[in-house]
Amino acid sequence: MQKVGLLLGGCVRLWKSVRMASSGVARRDPLANKVALVTASTDGIGLAIARRLAQDGAHVVVSSRKQQNVDRAVAALQGEGLSVTGIVCHVGKAEHRERLVATAVKLHGGIDILVSNAAVNPFFGNLMDVTEEVWDKILDINVKATALLTKAVVPEMEKRGGGSVVIVASIAAYTPFPVRTPFSAPSIPSSILQLSRPLVTRRSLCPLLEYHQVPSHKIGALLP
């Protein structure tokens, strides 16, 4: 019961902080002059995150695999008066990741925030029916690309005294969905964050958030 109470208390405090920020109680433009990269950010959760970061004062670089999606998102967000630029980026390609980081540094002088939202789920069905090609694609995008992009941005964050990495994963890491087994098995919290466990101190705030702290950096996973 004590553990349940502590868990609920952490969730309540987190929810109150979100409500305060949403209602404007928090100070204006808390991310002023910060630079944020958000992958897969031209629609859905990624676009919403990019919008909020920009509303809080950050210079945001959005990205997507398709130029038309980037152009549409940038036009919409700039139309709201937000500081947003965009670039095509397939996170599974090393040259695209390098270009994404280089673009942010060139335009804004550095990087403070990375939101890794890009992921794939190319198969629904029984685990025994999953092909090697599907496993390779899921691991390459959902796990390896996220790790390598994080590795690429951390040196730029260190130049600015630290930074934050938020990885958008899935609650399926804790409760796998029977018809999405390949997606659930290598999901980010059960892979990247488990690999990082010997290097960081882990603190669970609530069932939907894992948070990690390393010197000068914060690494967290959001599990929608």
C-alpha atoms as a PDB file:
ATOM      1  CA  MET A   1       0.000   0.000   0.000  1.00  0.00           C
ATOM      2  CA  GLN A   2       2.848   2.350   0.783  1.00  0.00           C
ATOM      3  CA  LYS A   3       4.324   1.786  -2.677  1.00  0.00           C
ATOM      4  CA  VAL A   4       0.945   2.434  -4.274  1.00  0.00           C
ATOM      5  CA  GLY A   5       0.612   5.656  -2.282  1.00  0.00           C
ATOM      6  CA  LEU A   6       4.033   6.849  -3.365  1.00  0.00           C
ATOM      7  CA  LEU A   7       3.260   5.991  -6.987  1.00  0.00           C
ATOM      8  CA  LEU A   8      -0.048   7.855  -6.926  1.00  0.00           C
ATOM      9  CA  GLY A   9       1.584  10.795  -5.190  1.00  0.00           C
ATOM     10  CA  GLY A  10       4.218  11.012  -7.922  1.00  0.00           C
ATOM     11  CA  CYS A  11       1.555  10.907 -10.626  1.00  0.00           C
ATOM     12  CA  VAL A  12      -0.457  13.656  -8.896  1.00  0.00           C
ATOM     13  CA  ARG A  13       2.591  15.913  -8.623  1.00  0.00           C
ATOM     14  CA  LEU A  14       3.453  15.317 -12.264  1.00  0.00           C
ATOM     15  CA  TRP A  15      -0.140  16.056 -13.340  1.00  0.00           C
ATOM     16  CA  LYS A  16      -0.202  19.268 -11.295  1.00  0.00           C
ATOM     17  CA  SER A  17       3.001  20.450 -12.956  1.00  0.00           C
ATOM     18  CA  VAL A  18       1.524  19.762 -16.392  1.00  0.00           C
ATOM     19  CA  ARG A  19      -1.689  21.626 -15.457  1.00  0.00           C
ATOM     20  CA  MET A  20       0.297  24.595 -14.170  1.00  0.00           C
ATOM     21  CA  ALA A  21       2.344  24.773 -17.351  1.00  0.00           C
ATOM     22  CA  SER A  22      -0.760  24.447 -19.536  1.00  0.00           C
ATOM     23  CA  SER A  23      -2.621  27.158 -17.634  1.00  0.00           C
ATOM     24  CA  GLY A  24       0.200  29.670 -17.881  1.00  0.00           C
ATOM     25  CA  VAL A  25       1.069  29.575 -14.163  1.00  0.00           C
ATOM     26  CA  ALA A  26       4.641  28.682 -15.050  1.00  0.00           C
ATOM     27  CA  ARG A  27       6.910  31.478 -16.156  1.00  0.00           C
ATOM     28  CA  ARG A  28       6.496  32.733 -19.697  1.00  0.00           C
ATOM     29  CA  ASP A  29       8.707  31.196 -22.420  1.00  0.00           C
ATOM     30  CA  PRO A  30      10.559  28.721 -20.156  1.00  0.00           C
ATOM     31  CA  LEU A  31      12.440  27.398 -23.205  1.00  0.00           C
ATOM     32  CA  ALA A  32      13.499  30.766 -24.615  1.00  0.00           C
ATOM     33  CA  ASN A  33      16.650  30.449 -26.756  1.00  0.00           C
ATOM     34  CA  LYS A  34      16.680  26.663 -26.397  1.00  0.00           C
ATOM     35  CA  VAL A  35      17.030  24.542 -29.553  1.00  0.00           C
ATOM     36  CA  ALA A  36      14.939  21.415 -29.976  1.00  0.00           C
ATOM     37  CA  LEU A  37      15.021  18.604 -32.525  1.00  0.00           C
ATOM     38  CA  VAL A  38      11.870  16.513 -32.901  1.00  0.00           C
ATOM     39  CA  THR A  39      11.845  13.493 -35.217  1.00  0.00           C
ATOM     40  CA  ALA A  40       8.692  12.282 -36.983  1.00  0.00           C
ATOM     41  CA  SER A  41       7.154  15.624 -36.083  1.00  0.00           C
ATOM     42  CA  THR A  42       4.895  16.618 -38.958  1.00  0.00           C
ATOM     43  CA  ASP A  43       1.751  14.923 -37.632  1.00  0.00           C
ATOM     44  CA  GLY A  44       0.203  13.422 -34.511  1.00  0.00           C
ATOM     45  CA  ILE A  45       2.156  13.269 -31.257  1.00  0.00           C
ATOM     46  CA  GLY A  46       5.360  14.586 -32.847  1.00  0.00           C
ATOM     47  CA  LEU A  47       3.661  17.670 -34.271  1.00  0.00           C
ATOM     48  CA  ALA A  48       1.930  18.376 -30.964  1.00  0.00           C
ATOM     49  CA  ILE A  49       5.258  18.146 -29.121  1.00  0.00           C
ATOM     50  CA  ALA A  50       6.971  20.422 -31.639  1.00  0.00           C
ATOM     51  CA  ARG A  51       4.173  22.983 -31.315  1.00  0.00           C
ATOM     52  CA  ARG A  52       4.327  23.023 -27.527  1.00  0.00           C
ATOM     53  CA  LEU A  53       8.111  23.332 -27.433  1.00  0.00           C
ATOM     54  CA  ALA A  54       7.906  26.289 -29.817  1.00  0.00           C
ATOM     55  CA  GLN A  55       5.062  27.867 -27.834  1.00  0.00           C
ATOM     56  CA  ASP A  56       7.325  27.693 -24.784  1.00  0.00           C
ATOM     57  CA  GLY A  57       9.971  29.689 -26.652  1.00  0.00           C
ATOM     58  CA  ALA A  58      12.240  27.069 -28.206  1.00  0.00           C
ATOM     59  CA  HIS A  59      13.623  27.162 -31.735  1.00  0.00           C
ATOM     60  CA  VAL A  60      12.312  23.866 -33.116  1.00  0.00           C
ATOM     61  CA  VAL A  61      13.582  21.789 -36.031  1.00  0.00           C
ATOM     62  CA  VAL A  62      10.895  19.385 -37.233  1.00  0.00           C
ATOM     63  CA  SER A  63      11.575  16.438 -39.510  1.00  0.00           C
ATOM     64  CA  SER A  64       9.890  13.742 -41.543  1.00  0.00           C
ATOM     65  CA  ARG A  65      10.771  11.324 -44.338  1.00  0.00           C
ATOM     66  CA  LYS A  66       8.751  13.321 -46.901  1.00  0.00           C
ATOM     67  CA  GLN A  67       9.452  16.878 -47.982  1.00  0.00           C
ATOM     68  CA  GLN A  68       5.778  17.727 -48.497  1.00  0.00           C
ATOM     69  CA  ASN A  69       5.001  16.768 -44.917  1.00  0.00           C
ATOM     70  CA  VAL A  70       7.846  18.922 -43.635  1.00  0.00           C
ATOM     71  CA  ASP A  71       6.712  21.884 -45.740  1.00  0.00           C
ATOM     72  CA  ARG A  72       3.123  21.559 -44.510  1.00  0.00           C
ATOM     73  CA  ALA A  73       4.083  21.359 -40.835  1.00  0.00           C
ATOM     74  CA  VAL A  74       6.559  24.236 -41.041  1.00  0.00           C
ATOM     75  CA  ALA A  75       4.030  26.445 -42.823  1.00  0.00           C
ATOM     76  CA  ALA A  76       1.369  25.672 -40.211  1.00  0.00           C
ATOM     77  CA  LEU A  77       3.606  26.319 -37.219  1.00  0.00           C
ATOM     78  CA  GLN A  78       5.245  29.412 -38.669  1.00  0.00           C
ATOM     79  CA  GLY A  79       1.738  30.653 -39.420  1.00  0.00           C
ATOM     80  CA  GLU A  80       1.135  30.551 -35.661  1.00  0.00           C
ATOM     81  CA  GLY A  81       4.132  32.824 -35.154  1.00  0.00           C
ATOM     82  CA  LEU A  82       6.411  30.065 -33.909  1.00  0.00           C
ATOM     83  CA  SER A  83      10.157  29.679 -34.510  1.00  0.00           C
ATOM     84  CA  VAL A  84      10.158  26.476 -36.540  1.00  0.00           C
ATOM     85  CA  THR A  85      12.238  25.151 -39.416  1.00  0.00           C
ATOM     86  CA  GLY A  86      12.214  21.701 -40.975  1.00  0.00           C
ATOM     87  CA  ILE A  87      14.268  19.141 -42.826  1.00  0.00           C
ATOM     88  CA  VAL A  88      13.760  15.729 -44.406  1.00  0.00           C
ATOM     89  CA  CYS A  89      15.167  13.014 -42.152  1.00  0.00           C
ATOM     90  CA  HIS A  90      14.895   9.244 -42.303  1.00  0.00           C
ATOM     91  CA  VAL A  91      16.363   8.347 -38.916  1.00  0.00           C
ATOM     92  CA  GLY A  92      17.483   4.957 -40.202  1.00  0.00           C
ATOM     93  CA  LYS A  93      19.984   6.652 -42.534  1.00  0.00           C
ATOM     94  CA  ALA A  94      23.245   7.878 -41.020  1.00  0.00           C
ATOM     95  CA  GLU A  95      23.615  10.743 -43.487  1.00  0.00           C
ATOM     96  CA  HIS A  96      20.121  12.002 -42.638  1.00  0.00           C
ATOM     97  CA  ARG A  97      20.831  11.963 -38.901  1.00  0.00           C
ATOM     98  CA  GLU A  98      24.088  13.823 -39.453  1.00  0.00           C
ATOM     99  CA  ARG A  99      22.337  16.408 -41.606  1.00  0.00           C
ATOM    100  CA  LEU A 100      19.592  16.904 -39.010  1.00  0.00           C
ATOM    101  CA  VAL A 101      22.109  17.654 -36.275  1.00  0.00           C
ATOM    102  CA  ALA A 102      24.240  19.830 -38.549  1.00  0.00           C
ATOM    103  CA  THR A 103      21.202  21.849 -39.637  1.00  0.00           C
ATOM    104  CA  ALA A 104      20.227  22.663 -36.055  1.00  0.00           C
ATOM    105  CA  VAL A 105      23.781  23.678 -35.185  1.00  0.00           C
ATOM    106  CA  LYS A 106      24.132  25.817 -38.302  1.00  0.00           C
ATOM    107  CA  LEU A 107      20.797  27.597 -37.849  1.00  0.00           C
ATOM    108  CA  HIS A 108      20.773  28.030 -34.087  1.00  0.00           C
ATOM    109  CA  GLY A 109      24.285  27.386 -32.804  1.00  0.00           C
ATOM    110  CA  GLY A 110      23.657  24.164 -30.912  1.00  0.00           C
ATOM    111  CA  ILE A 111      21.142  21.666 -29.511  1.00  0.00           C
ATOM    112  CA  ASP A 112      19.477  21.576 -26.094  1.00  0.00           C
ATOM    113  CA  ILE A 113      16.608  19.121 -26.574  1.00  0.00           C
ATOM    114  CA  LEU A 114      16.052  15.960 -28.580  1.00  0.00           C
ATOM    115  CA  VAL A 115      12.619  14.354 -28.813  1.00  0.00           C
ATOM    116  CA  SER A 116      13.011  10.982 -30.527  1.00  0.00           C
ATOM    117  CA  ASN A 117       9.526  10.207 -31.808  1.00  0.00           C
ATOM    118  CA  ALA A 118      10.277   8.206 -34.958  1.00  0.00           C
ATOM    119  CA  ALA A 119       9.338   4.520 -34.835  1.00  0.00           C
ATOM    120  CA  VAL A 120       7.810   1.844 -37.033  1.00  0.00           C
ATOM    121  CA  ASN A 121       5.357  -0.991 -36.518  1.00  0.00           C
ATOM    122  CA  PRO A 122       5.244  -2.826 -39.855  1.00  0.00           C
ATOM    123  CA  PHE A 123       3.604  -6.047 -38.685  1.00  0.00           C
ATOM    124  CA  PHE A 124       0.445  -7.086 -36.846  1.00  0.00           C
ATOM    125  CA  GLY A 125       0.131 -10.747 -35.997  1.00  0.00           C
ATOM    126  CA  ASN A 126       1.690 -13.788 -34.406  1.00  0.00           C
ATOM    127  CA  LEU A 127       5.329 -13.674 -33.345  1.00  0.00           C
ATOM    128  CA  MET A 128       6.026 -16.892 -35.262  1.00  0.00           C
ATOM    129  CA  ASP A 129       5.003 -15.212 -38.519  1.00  0.00           C
ATOM    130  CA  VAL A 130       7.470 -12.327 -38.263  1.00  0.00           C
ATOM    131  CA  THR A 131      10.155 -12.332 -40.955  1.00  0.00           C
ATOM    132  CA  GLU A 132      13.803 -11.459 -40.467  1.00  0.00           C
ATOM    133  CA  GLU A 133      13.272  -8.362 -42.603  1.00  0.00           C
ATOM    134  CA  VAL A 134      10.576  -7.099 -40.232  1.00  0.00           C
ATOM    135  CA  TRP A 135      12.763  -7.713 -37.161  1.00  0.00           C
ATOM    136  CA  ASP A 136      15.632  -5.846 -38.803  1.00  0.00           C
ATOM    137  CA  LYS A 137      13.424  -2.870 -39.658  1.00  0.00           C
ATOM    138  CA  ILE A 138      11.955  -2.565 -36.161  1.00  0.00           C
ATOM    139  CA  LEU A 139      15.323  -2.885 -34.437  1.00  0.00           C
ATOM    140  CA  ASP A 140      17.042  -0.519 -36.879  1.00  0.00           C
ATOM    141  CA  ILE A 141      14.491   2.275 -36.489  1.00  0.00           C
ATOM    142  CA  ASN A 142      13.044   1.859 -33.008  1.00  0.00           C
ATOM    143  CA  VAL A 143      16.255   0.976 -31.199  1.00  0.00           C
ATOM    144  CA  LYS A 144      19.486   1.493 -33.132  1.00  0.00           C
ATOM    145  CA  ALA A 145      18.573   4.773 -34.834  1.00  0.00           C
ATOM    146  CA  THR A 146      17.374   6.247 -31.544  1.00  0.00           C
ATOM    147  CA  ALA A 147      20.611   5.284 -29.799  1.00  0.00           C
ATOM    148  CA  LEU A 148      22.778   6.653 -32.607  1.00  0.00           C
ATOM    149  CA  LEU A 149      20.860   9.915 -32.864  1.00  0.00           C
ATOM    150  CA  THR A 150      21.172  10.383 -29.109  1.00  0.00           C
ATOM    151  CA  LYS A 151      24.898   9.699 -29.422  1.00  0.00           C
ATOM    152  CA  ALA A 152      25.137  12.355 -32.140  1.00  0.00           C
ATOM    153  CA  VAL A 153      23.371  15.116 -30.194  1.00  0.00           C
ATOM    154  CA  VAL A 154      24.957  14.647 -26.762  1.00  0.00           C
ATOM    155  CA  PRO A 155      28.319  16.225 -27.756  1.00  0.00           C
ATOM    156  CA  GLU A 156      26.431  19.320 -28.952  1.00  0.00           C
ATOM    157  CA  MET A 157      24.462  19.423 -25.693  1.00  0.00           C
ATOM    158  CA  GLU A 158      27.686  19.177 -23.689  1.00  0.00           C
ATOM    159  CA  LYS A 159      28.978  22.299 -25.426  1.00  0.00           C
ATOM    160  CA  ARG A 160      25.973  24.161 -23.993  1.00  0.00           C
ATOM    161  CA  GLY A 161      26.314  22.759 -20.484  1.00  0.00           C
ATOM    162  CA  GLY A 162      23.826  19.889 -20.812  1.00  0.00           C
ATOM    163  CA  GLY A 163      20.527  18.993 -22.385  1.00  0.00           C
ATOM    164  CA  SER A 164      17.450  16.776 -22.397  1.00  0.00           C
ATOM    165  CA  VAL A 165      16.504  13.693 -24.415  1.00  0.00           C
ATOM    166  CA  VAL A 166      12.889  12.490 -24.513  1.00  0.00           C
ATOM    167  CA  ILE A 167      12.170   9.160 -26.199  1.00  0.00           C
ATOM    168  CA  VAL A 168       8.575   8.520 -27.228  1.00  0.00           C
ATOM    169  CA  ALA A 169       8.047   4.805 -26.808  1.00  0.00           C
ATOM    170  CA  SER A 170       4.961   2.756 -25.922  1.00  0.00           C
ATOM    171  CA  ILE A 171       3.161   1.334 -22.919  1.00  0.00           C
ATOM    172  CA  ALA A 172       3.518  -1.953 -24.818  1.00  0.00           C
ATOM    173  CA  ALA A 173       6.981  -2.173 -23.253  1.00  0.00           C
ATOM    174  CA  TYR A 174       5.265  -3.130 -20.015  1.00  0.00           C
ATOM    175  CA  THR A 175       2.054  -4.696 -21.314  1.00  0.00           C
ATOM    176  CA  PRO A 176       2.744  -6.254 -24.747  1.00  0.00           C
ATOM    177  CA  PHE A 177      -0.179  -6.393 -27.133  1.00  0.00           C
ATOM    178  CA  PRO A 178      -0.734  -9.966 -28.434  1.00  0.00           C
ATOM    179  CA  VAL A 179      -1.254  -8.804 -32.038  1.00  0.00           C
ATOM    180  CA  ARG A 180       1.763  -6.439 -31.967  1.00  0.00           C
ATOM    181  CA  THR A 181       4.406  -8.750 -30.561  1.00  0.00           C
ATOM    182  CA  PRO A 182       7.388  -7.659 -32.686  1.00  0.00           C
ATOM    183  CA  PHE A 183       6.677  -4.013 -31.866  1.00  0.00           C
ATOM    184  CA  SER A 184       6.357  -4.717 -28.159  1.00  0.00           C
ATOM    185  CA  ALA A 185       9.411  -6.929 -27.768  1.00  0.00           C
ATOM    186  CA  PRO A 186      12.138  -4.485 -28.884  1.00  0.00           C
ATOM    187  CA  SER A 187      10.367  -1.305 -27.790  1.00  0.00           C
ATOM    188  CA  ILE A 188      12.618   1.418 -26.500  1.00  0.00           C
ATOM    189  CA  PRO A 189      12.165   1.154 -22.703  1.00  0.00           C
ATOM    190  CA  SER A 190      12.872  -2.575 -22.765  1.00  0.00           C
ATOM    191  CA  SER A 191      15.931  -2.086 -24.955  1.00  0.00           C
ATOM    192  CA  ILE A 192      17.685   1.281 -24.851  1.00  0.00           C
ATOM    193  CA  LEU A 193      16.708   2.232 -21.313  1.00  0.00           C
ATOM    194  CA  GLN A 194      17.515  -1.251 -20.055  1.00  0.00           C
ATOM    195  CA  LEU A 195      20.931  -0.991 -21.674  1.00  0.00           C
ATOM    196  CA  SER A 196      21.437   2.396 -20.016  1.00  0.00           C
ATOM    197  CA  ARG A 197      20.430   1.120 -16.569  1.00  0.00           C
ATOM    198  CA  PRO A 198      24.028   0.468 -15.382  1.00  0.00           C
ATOM    199  CA  LEU A 199      24.949   4.049 -16.337  1.00  0.00           C
ATOM    200  CA  VAL A 200      22.136   6.054 -14.792  1.00  0.00           C
ATOM    201  CA  THR A 201      19.952   6.313 -11.725  1.00  0.00           C
ATOM    202  CA  ARG A 202      16.401   5.232 -12.459  1.00  0.00           C
ATOM    203  CA  ARG A 203      13.364   6.868 -10.860  1.00  0.00           C
ATOM    204  CA  SER A 204       9.800   5.905 -11.823  1.00  0.00           C
ATOM    205  CA  LEU A 205       7.332   8.783 -11.570  1.00  0.00           C
ATOM    206  CA  CYS A 206       4.252   6.957 -12.827  1.00  0.00           C
ATOM    207  CA  PRO A 207       3.405   4.027 -15.145  1.00  0.00           C
ATOM    208  CA  LEU A 208       3.630   6.227 -18.242  1.00  0.00           C
ATOM    209  CA  LEU A 209       6.972   7.891 -17.605  1.00  0.00           C
ATOM    210  CA  GLU A 210      10.495   6.602 -17.131  1.00  0.00           C
ATOM    211  CA  TYR A 211      13.110   9.194 -16.204  1.00  0.00           C
ATOM    212  CA  HIS A 212      16.883   8.928 -16.191  1.00  0.00           C
ATOM    213  CA  GLN A 213      19.466  11.408 -14.941  1.00  0.00           C
ATOM    214  CA  VAL A 214      23.115  11.512 -15.931  1.00  0.00           C
ATOM    215  CA  PRO A 215      25.568  14.341 -15.249  1.00  0.00           C
ATOM    216  CA  SER A 216      24.347  17.478 -17.062  1.00  0.00           C
ATOM    217  CA  HIS A 217      21.777  15.483 -19.056  1.00  0.00           C
ATOM    218  CA  LYS A 218      18.228  14.227 -18.583  1.00  0.00           C
ATOM    219  CA  ILE A 219      16.969  11.193 -20.492  1.00  0.00           C
ATOM    220  CA  GLY A 220      13.306  10.256 -20.287  1.00  0.00           C
ATOM    221  CA  ALA A 221      10.806   8.032 -22.067  1.00  0.00           C
ATOM    222  CA  LEU A 222       7.171   8.919 -22.621  1.00  0.00           C
ATOM    223  CA  LEU A 223       4.970   5.843 -22.984  1.00  0.00           C
ATOM    224  CA  PRO A 224       1.659   6.674 -24.718  1.00  0.00           C
END
